[in-house]
Structures are given as structure tokens and as C-alpha cells.
Amino acid sequence: MSATFEQTEDYTLLISDEARDRLAAEQRQVKAEILMWSVAGSIAAIAGLVVKQIVGAA
């Protein structure tokens, strides 16, 4: 088993490579969800503006 070791003035960290990989995968998942919801919100906002223009023009 290999591990990553980091030490600074404030803390000492020892994390296995497997745990580091799981953390990286979890962070990628979170970033993907943030991107997905940001895009969904943008599409909803644009759709709302388009509907407002169509209703306002009629």
C-alpha cells in the first residue's frame, strides 16, 4: 500500500492512494453536478426571457 505524506507547521497528513483517488473522484462528481445545475439554471433563465419576449410581443 502506498500513501501520500504531507507535513506543514499546522498539520500532518497521511492518506492512502486509494483514499486520495476516491476523494478525487468525489470532487469530480461534485464539480460535474455544479456544472449541470448551472447549465440548467441558465437554460431556464433564457427560456423565461424568450417566453417573456413572445408574450410581451403579442
C-alpha atoms as a PDB file:
ATOM      1  CA  MET A   1       0.000   0.000   0.000  1.00  0.00           C
ATOM      2  CA  SER A   2       1.373   3.372  -0.919  1.00  0.00           C
ATOM      3  CA  ALA A   3       0.431   6.633   0.680  1.00  0.00           C
ATOM      4  CA  THR A   4       0.906  10.353   0.404  1.00  0.00           C
ATOM      5  CA  PHE A   5       2.527  12.096   3.349  1.00  0.00           C
ATOM      6  CA  GLU A   6       2.499  15.861   3.813  1.00  0.00           C
ATOM      7  CA  GLN A   7       3.670  17.885   6.780  1.00  0.00           C
ATOM      8  CA  THR A   8       3.476  21.628   7.434  1.00  0.00           C
ATOM      9  CA  GLU A   9       3.675  23.792  10.532  1.00  0.00           C
ATOM     10  CA  ASP A  10      -0.056  23.405  11.154  1.00  0.00           C
ATOM     11  CA  TYR A  11      -0.792  19.789  10.305  1.00  0.00           C
ATOM     12  CA  THR A  12       0.490  16.376   9.273  1.00  0.00           C
ATOM     13  CA  LEU A  13      -1.448  14.424   6.666  1.00  0.00           C
ATOM     14  CA  LEU A  14      -1.137  10.775   5.700  1.00  0.00           C
ATOM     15  CA  ILE A  15      -3.626   9.486   3.131  1.00  0.00           C
ATOM     16  CA  SER A  16      -3.577   6.251   1.190  1.00  0.00           C
ATOM     17  CA  ASP A  17      -3.505   6.406  -2.587  1.00  0.00           C
ATOM     18  CA  GLU A  18      -6.855   4.598  -2.705  1.00  0.00           C
ATOM     19  CA  ALA A  19      -8.456   7.188  -0.418  1.00  0.00           C
ATOM     20  CA  ARG A  20      -6.869  10.019  -2.431  1.00  0.00           C
ATOM     21  CA  ASP A  21      -8.310   8.539  -5.635  1.00  0.00           C
ATOM     22  CA  ARG A  22     -11.759   8.212  -4.043  1.00  0.00           C
ATOM     23  CA  LEU A  23     -11.590  11.828  -2.867  1.00  0.00           C
ATOM     24  CA  ALA A  24     -10.594  12.989  -6.361  1.00  0.00           C
ATOM     25  CA  ALA A  25     -13.492  11.035  -7.891  1.00  0.00           C
ATOM     26  CA  GLU A  26     -15.910  12.546  -5.375  1.00  0.00           C
ATOM     27  CA  GLN A  27     -14.658  16.050  -6.116  1.00  0.00           C
ATOM     28  CA  ARG A  28     -15.061  15.449  -9.873  1.00  0.00           C
ATOM     29  CA  GLN A  29     -18.635  14.298  -9.226  1.00  0.00           C
ATOM     30  CA  VAL A  30     -19.407  17.416  -7.183  1.00  0.00           C
ATOM     31  CA  LYS A  31     -17.947  19.690  -9.874  1.00  0.00           C
ATOM     32  CA  ALA A  32     -19.986  17.869 -12.531  1.00  0.00           C
ATOM     33  CA  GLU A  33     -23.176  18.385 -10.502  1.00  0.00           C
ATOM     34  CA  ILE A  34     -22.415  22.085 -10.024  1.00  0.00           C
ATOM     35  CA  LEU A  35     -21.837  22.466 -13.760  1.00  0.00           C
ATOM     36  CA  MET A  36     -25.033  20.554 -14.561  1.00  0.00           C
ATOM     37  CA  TRP A  37     -27.188  22.713 -12.286  1.00  0.00           C
ATOM     38  CA  SER A  38     -25.532  25.908 -13.527  1.00  0.00           C
ATOM     39  CA  VAL A  39     -26.323  24.982 -17.118  1.00  0.00           C
ATOM     40  CA  ALA A  40     -29.875  24.006 -16.183  1.00  0.00           C
ATOM     41  CA  GLY A  41     -30.387  27.343 -14.423  1.00  0.00           C
ATOM     42  CA  SER A  42     -29.016  29.252 -17.398  1.00  0.00           C
ATOM     43  CA  ILE A  43     -31.295  27.396 -19.801  1.00  0.00           C
ATOM     44  CA  ALA A  44     -34.300  28.080 -17.565  1.00  0.00           C
ATOM     45  CA  ALA A  45     -33.422  31.777 -17.378  1.00  0.00           C
ATOM     46  CA  ILE A  46     -33.015  32.050 -21.148  1.00  0.00           C
ATOM     47  CA  ALA A  47     -36.272  30.187 -21.703  1.00  0.00           C
ATOM     48  CA  GLY A  48     -38.018  32.567 -19.312  1.00  0.00           C
ATOM     49  CA  LEU A  49     -36.682  35.590 -21.195  1.00  0.00           C
ATOM     50  CA  VAL A  50     -37.768  34.112 -24.534  1.00  0.00           C
ATOM     51  CA  VAL A  51     -41.276  33.425 -23.234  1.00  0.00           C
ATOM     52  CA  LYS A  52     -41.437  36.939 -21.790  1.00  0.00           C
ATOM     53  CA  GLN A  53     -40.496  38.409 -25.195  1.00  0.00           C
ATOM     54  CA  ILE A  54     -43.066  36.240 -27.011  1.00  0.00           C
ATOM     55  CA  VAL A  55     -45.856  37.090 -24.570  1.00  0.00           C
ATOM     56  CA  GLY A  56     -44.872  40.750 -24.495  1.00  0.00           C
ATOM     57  CA  ALA A  57     -44.849  40.994 -28.299  1.00  0.00           C
ATOM     58  CA  ALA A  58     -48.346  39.517 -28.677  1.00  0.00           C
END
